[in-house]
């Protein structure tokens, strides 16, 4: 068994595994957001991300098994900001058996490199305020807390 982890761009043949990992992300986030539907949840248009020249989907592989994921997508910025576009990071997932090995950090580093090479100077992501471990991981990579989204359910 090879102990090397390879970071590579995802390809269409990875879609079945990517969709399973997407559902793991949904399941992990459901306790932090009780408004997520119980079934039929699709967070990402994975096919479109794979085909978009202004996006990249990365996977970490161990022995040809995908064990971590992440994507970067160029998005338009608000008109009043000093940058026209930014890189948005999402689909940050690591298989539980591989957590604690720095794979999320390696994916983030590769996504930051992609954004920098694409000429993007602003990188953003969303994280639930209750997800302390994810917040710590992102802060280790230099991300700063920026905005807090407020909500109110009236039912």
C-alpha atoms as a PDB file:
ATOM      1  CA  UNK A   1       0.000   0.000   0.000  1.00  0.00           C
ATOM      2  CA  UNK A   2       1.342   3.376  -1.061  1.00  0.00           C
ATOM      3  CA  UNK A   3       1.368   6.075   1.625  1.00  0.00           C
ATOM      4  CA  UNK A   4       1.650   8.922  -0.891  1.00  0.00           C
ATOM      5  CA  UNK A   5      -1.261  11.314  -1.254  1.00  0.00           C
ATOM      6  CA  UNK A   6      -1.641  12.814  -4.721  1.00  0.00           C
ATOM      7  CA  UNK A   7      -3.477  16.103  -5.286  1.00  0.00           C
ATOM      8  CA  UNK A   8      -4.906  16.292  -8.799  1.00  0.00           C
ATOM      9  CA  UNK A   9      -7.690  17.879 -10.787  1.00  0.00           C
ATOM     10  CA  UNK A  10     -10.917  15.920 -10.764  1.00  0.00           C
ATOM     11  CA  UNK A  11     -12.167  14.380 -14.002  1.00  0.00           C
ATOM     12  CA  UNK A  12     -15.631  13.331 -15.139  1.00  0.00           C
ATOM     13  CA  UNK A  13     -15.022   9.705 -14.200  1.00  0.00           C
ATOM     14  CA  UNK A  14     -14.676  10.902 -10.574  1.00  0.00           C
ATOM     15  CA  UNK A  15     -18.283  12.142 -10.493  1.00  0.00           C
ATOM     16  CA  UNK A  16     -19.833   9.129  -8.684  1.00  0.00           C
ATOM     17  CA  UNK A  17     -17.356   9.483  -5.792  1.00  0.00           C
ATOM     18  CA  UNK A  18     -17.642  13.282  -5.800  1.00  0.00           C
ATOM     19  CA  UNK A  19     -21.420  12.997  -5.484  1.00  0.00           C
ATOM     20  CA  UNK A  20     -21.026  10.641  -2.509  1.00  0.00           C
ATOM     21  CA  UNK A  21     -18.638  13.103  -0.852  1.00  0.00           C
ATOM     22  CA  UNK A  22     -21.106  15.906  -1.548  1.00  0.00           C
ATOM     23  CA  UNK A  23     -23.733  14.001   0.445  1.00  0.00           C
ATOM     24  CA  UNK A  24     -21.236  13.603   3.295  1.00  0.00           C
ATOM     25  CA  UNK A  25     -20.813  17.390   3.309  1.00  0.00           C
ATOM     26  CA  UNK A  26     -24.596  17.799   3.435  1.00  0.00           C
ATOM     27  CA  UNK A  27     -24.866  15.279   6.279  1.00  0.00           C
ATOM     28  CA  UNK A  28     -22.086  16.998   8.230  1.00  0.00           C
ATOM     29  CA  UNK A  29     -23.733  20.397   7.846  1.00  0.00           C
ATOM     30  CA  UNK A  30     -27.294  19.333   8.585  1.00  0.00           C
ATOM     31  CA  UNK A  31     -26.842  19.530  12.410  1.00  0.00           C
ATOM     32  CA  UNK A  32     -25.575  23.109  11.988  1.00  0.00           C
ATOM     33  CA  UNK A  33     -28.491  24.096   9.748  1.00  0.00           C
ATOM     34  CA  UNK A  34     -31.835  22.511  10.583  1.00  0.00           C
ATOM     35  CA  UNK A  35     -33.404  24.048   7.460  1.00  0.00           C
ATOM     36  CA  UNK A  36     -31.518  21.722   5.097  1.00  0.00           C
ATOM     37  CA  UNK A  37     -34.033  19.369   3.455  1.00  0.00           C
ATOM     38  CA  UNK A  38     -33.993  15.720   4.502  1.00  0.00           C
ATOM     39  CA  UNK A  39     -33.418  14.353   0.996  1.00  0.00           C
ATOM     40  CA  UNK A  40     -32.630  15.356  -2.551  1.00  0.00           C
ATOM     41  CA  UNK A  41     -30.064  17.980  -1.570  1.00  0.00           C
ATOM     42  CA  UNK A  42     -27.562  18.983  -4.236  1.00  0.00           C
ATOM     43  CA  UNK A  43     -25.063  21.649  -3.207  1.00  0.00           C
ATOM     44  CA  UNK A  44     -22.820  21.776  -6.256  1.00  0.00           C
ATOM     45  CA  UNK A  45     -23.228  21.576 -10.014  1.00  0.00           C
ATOM     46  CA  UNK A  46     -20.192  19.326 -10.250  1.00  0.00           C
ATOM     47  CA  UNK A  47     -20.434  18.793 -14.002  1.00  0.00           C
ATOM     48  CA  UNK A  48     -20.451  22.551 -14.630  1.00  0.00           C
ATOM     49  CA  UNK A  49     -17.516  23.074 -12.262  1.00  0.00           C
ATOM     50  CA  UNK A  50     -15.488  20.410 -14.075  1.00  0.00           C
ATOM     51  CA  UNK A  51     -16.187  22.058 -17.444  1.00  0.00           C
ATOM     52  CA  UNK A  52     -15.681  25.681 -16.321  1.00  0.00           C
ATOM     53  CA  UNK A  53     -12.286  27.118 -17.348  1.00  0.00           C
ATOM     54  CA  UNK A  54     -12.598  29.634 -14.471  1.00  0.00           C
ATOM     55  CA  UNK A  55     -12.957  26.868 -11.872  1.00  0.00           C
ATOM     56  CA  UNK A  56     -10.997  23.905 -10.615  1.00  0.00           C
ATOM     57  CA  UNK A  57     -12.099  20.863  -8.641  1.00  0.00           C
ATOM     58  CA  UNK A  58      -9.259  19.163  -6.811  1.00  0.00           C
ATOM     59  CA  UNK A  59      -9.109  15.760  -5.180  1.00  0.00           C
ATOM     60  CA  UNK A  60      -6.610  14.130  -2.863  1.00  0.00           C
ATOM     61  CA  UNK A  61      -6.072  10.476  -3.744  1.00  0.00           C
ATOM     62  CA  UNK A  62      -4.593   7.624  -1.765  1.00  0.00           C
ATOM     63  CA  UNK A  63      -4.131   4.380  -3.696  1.00  0.00           C
ATOM     64  CA  UNK A  64      -6.488   5.702  -6.403  1.00  0.00           C
ATOM     65  CA  UNK A  65      -9.212   6.402  -3.797  1.00  0.00           C
ATOM     66  CA  UNK A  66     -10.494   9.965  -3.501  1.00  0.00           C
ATOM     67  CA  UNK A  67     -10.124  10.906   0.157  1.00  0.00           C
ATOM     68  CA  UNK A  68     -10.498  14.715   0.090  1.00  0.00           C
ATOM     69  CA  UNK A  69     -12.027  17.349  -2.178  1.00  0.00           C
ATOM     70  CA  UNK A  70     -12.283  21.075  -2.743  1.00  0.00           C
ATOM     71  CA  UNK A  71     -13.024  23.534  -5.498  1.00  0.00           C
ATOM     72  CA  UNK A  72     -12.290  27.125  -6.439  1.00  0.00           C
ATOM     73  CA  UNK A  73     -14.607  29.134  -8.659  1.00  0.00           C
ATOM     74  CA  UNK A  74     -14.086  32.634  -9.982  1.00  0.00           C
ATOM     75  CA  UNK A  75     -17.114  34.768  -9.099  1.00  0.00           C
ATOM     76  CA  UNK A  76     -17.972  38.401  -9.792  1.00  0.00           C
ATOM     77  CA  UNK A  77     -17.387  40.801  -6.906  1.00  0.00           C
ATOM     78  CA  UNK A  78     -19.754  43.554  -5.861  1.00  0.00           C
ATOM     79  CA  UNK A  79     -19.353  46.745  -7.877  1.00  0.00           C
ATOM     80  CA  UNK A  80     -18.148  48.778  -4.905  1.00  0.00           C
ATOM     81  CA  UNK A  81     -15.148  46.544  -4.134  1.00  0.00           C
ATOM     82  CA  UNK A  82     -11.588  47.098  -5.357  1.00  0.00           C
ATOM     83  CA  UNK A  83     -11.542  43.784  -7.260  1.00  0.00           C
ATOM     84  CA  UNK A  84     -13.779  42.678 -10.119  1.00  0.00           C
ATOM     85  CA  UNK A  85     -13.749  38.965  -9.331  1.00  0.00           C
ATOM     86  CA  UNK A  86     -12.655  36.652  -6.544  1.00  0.00           C
ATOM     87  CA  UNK A  87     -12.055  32.970  -5.951  1.00  0.00           C
ATOM     88  CA  UNK A  88     -14.738  31.228  -3.941  1.00  0.00           C
ATOM     89  CA  UNK A  89     -13.717  27.983  -2.236  1.00  0.00           C
ATOM     90  CA  UNK A  90     -16.189  25.200  -1.526  1.00  0.00           C
ATOM     91  CA  UNK A  91     -16.709  21.437  -1.303  1.00  0.00           C
ATOM     92  CA  UNK A  92     -14.053  21.143   1.385  1.00  0.00           C
ATOM     93  CA  UNK A  93     -14.340  17.526   2.509  1.00  0.00           C
ATOM     94  CA  UNK A  94     -11.941  14.973   3.955  1.00  0.00           C
ATOM     95  CA  UNK A  95     -12.853  11.328   4.544  1.00  0.00           C
ATOM     96  CA  UNK A  96     -13.008  10.773   8.336  1.00  0.00           C
ATOM     97  CA  UNK A  97     -10.287   8.084   8.143  1.00  0.00           C
ATOM     98  CA  UNK A  98      -7.901  10.675   6.664  1.00  0.00           C
ATOM     99  CA  UNK A  99      -8.609  13.642   8.924  1.00  0.00           C
ATOM    100  CA  UNK A 100      -5.760  15.091  10.930  1.00  0.00           C
ATOM    101  CA  UNK A 101      -3.220  14.476   8.145  1.00  0.00           C
ATOM    102  CA  UNK A 102      -3.276  17.995   6.687  1.00  0.00           C
ATOM    103  CA  UNK A 103      -5.125  17.051   3.502  1.00  0.00           C
ATOM    104  CA  UNK A 104      -7.554  19.953   3.751  1.00  0.00           C
ATOM    105  CA  UNK A 105      -4.576  22.284   4.081  1.00  0.00           C
ATOM    106  CA  UNK A 106      -2.903  20.767   1.016  1.00  0.00           C
ATOM    107  CA  UNK A 107      -6.098  21.174  -1.015  1.00  0.00           C
ATOM    108  CA  UNK A 108      -6.451  24.788   0.189  1.00  0.00           C
ATOM    109  CA  UNK A 109      -2.812  25.511  -0.726  1.00  0.00           C
ATOM    110  CA  UNK A 110      -3.375  24.106  -4.225  1.00  0.00           C
ATOM    111  CA  UNK A 111      -6.606  26.114  -4.616  1.00  0.00           C
ATOM    112  CA  UNK A 112      -4.826  29.290  -3.487  1.00  0.00           C
ATOM    113  CA  UNK A 113      -2.093  28.569  -6.052  1.00  0.00           C
ATOM    114  CA  UNK A 114      -4.750  28.116  -8.746  1.00  0.00           C
ATOM    115  CA  UNK A 115      -6.419  31.418  -7.772  1.00  0.00           C
ATOM    116  CA  UNK A 116      -3.113  33.267  -7.706  1.00  0.00           C
ATOM    117  CA  UNK A 117      -2.132  31.874 -11.107  1.00  0.00           C
ATOM    118  CA  UNK A 118      -5.553  32.952 -12.413  1.00  0.00           C
ATOM    119  CA  UNK A 119      -4.790  36.515 -11.286  1.00  0.00           C
ATOM    120  CA  UNK A 120      -7.308  36.504  -8.441  1.00  0.00           C
ATOM    121  CA  UNK A 121      -6.254  38.487  -5.379  1.00  0.00           C
ATOM    122  CA  UNK A 122      -9.269  37.861  -3.149  1.00  0.00           C
ATOM    123  CA  UNK A 123     -10.270  34.410  -1.886  1.00  0.00           C
ATOM    124  CA  UNK A 124     -13.435  33.747   0.118  1.00  0.00           C
ATOM    125  CA  UNK A 125     -15.290  30.808   1.601  1.00  0.00           C
ATOM    126  CA  UNK A 126     -18.275  30.216   3.844  1.00  0.00           C
ATOM    127  CA  UNK A 127     -18.195  28.218   7.051  1.00  0.00           C
ATOM    128  CA  UNK A 128     -20.848  27.643   9.699  1.00  0.00           C
ATOM    129  CA  UNK A 129     -20.148  29.609  12.875  1.00  0.00           C
ATOM    130  CA  UNK A 130     -20.557  26.389  14.914  1.00  0.00           C
ATOM    131  CA  UNK A 131     -17.901  24.552  12.878  1.00  0.00           C
ATOM    132  CA  UNK A 132     -14.969  25.346  15.163  1.00  0.00           C
ATOM    133  CA  UNK A 133     -12.568  22.789  13.680  1.00  0.00           C
ATOM    134  CA  UNK A 134     -13.099  24.108  10.140  1.00  0.00           C
ATOM    135  CA  UNK A 135     -12.710  27.701  11.315  1.00  0.00           C
ATOM    136  CA  UNK A 136      -9.404  26.819  12.998  1.00  0.00           C
ATOM    137  CA  UNK A 137      -8.195  25.053   9.836  1.00  0.00           C
ATOM    138  CA  UNK A 138      -9.044  28.064   7.652  1.00  0.00           C
ATOM    139  CA  UNK A 139      -7.468  30.496  10.108  1.00  0.00           C
ATOM    140  CA  UNK A 140      -4.253  28.428   9.984  1.00  0.00           C
ATOM    141  CA  UNK A 141      -4.189  29.135   6.255  1.00  0.00           C
ATOM    142  CA  UNK A 142      -4.550  32.878   6.810  1.00  0.00           C
ATOM    143  CA  UNK A 143      -8.299  33.337   6.400  1.00  0.00           C
ATOM    144  CA  UNK A 144      -9.887  35.940   8.665  1.00  0.00           C
ATOM    145  CA  UNK A 145     -13.416  36.041  10.022  1.00  0.00           C
ATOM    146  CA  UNK A 146     -15.200  38.703   8.037  1.00  0.00           C
ATOM    147  CA  UNK A 147     -19.005  38.723   8.051  1.00  0.00           C
ATOM    148  CA  UNK A 148     -21.661  37.131  10.183  1.00  0.00           C
ATOM    149  CA  UNK A 149     -24.914  36.169   8.533  1.00  0.00           C
ATOM    150  CA  UNK A 150     -27.914  36.688  10.793  1.00  0.00           C
ATOM    151  CA  UNK A 151     -31.175  34.790  10.435  1.00  0.00           C
ATOM    152  CA  UNK A 152     -34.599  34.528  12.002  1.00  0.00           C
ATOM    153  CA  UNK A 153     -37.196  31.774  11.535  1.00  0.00           C
ATOM    154  CA  UNK A 154     -40.727  33.037  12.079  1.00  0.00           C
ATOM    155  CA  UNK A 155     -42.610  29.753  12.256  1.00  0.00           C
END
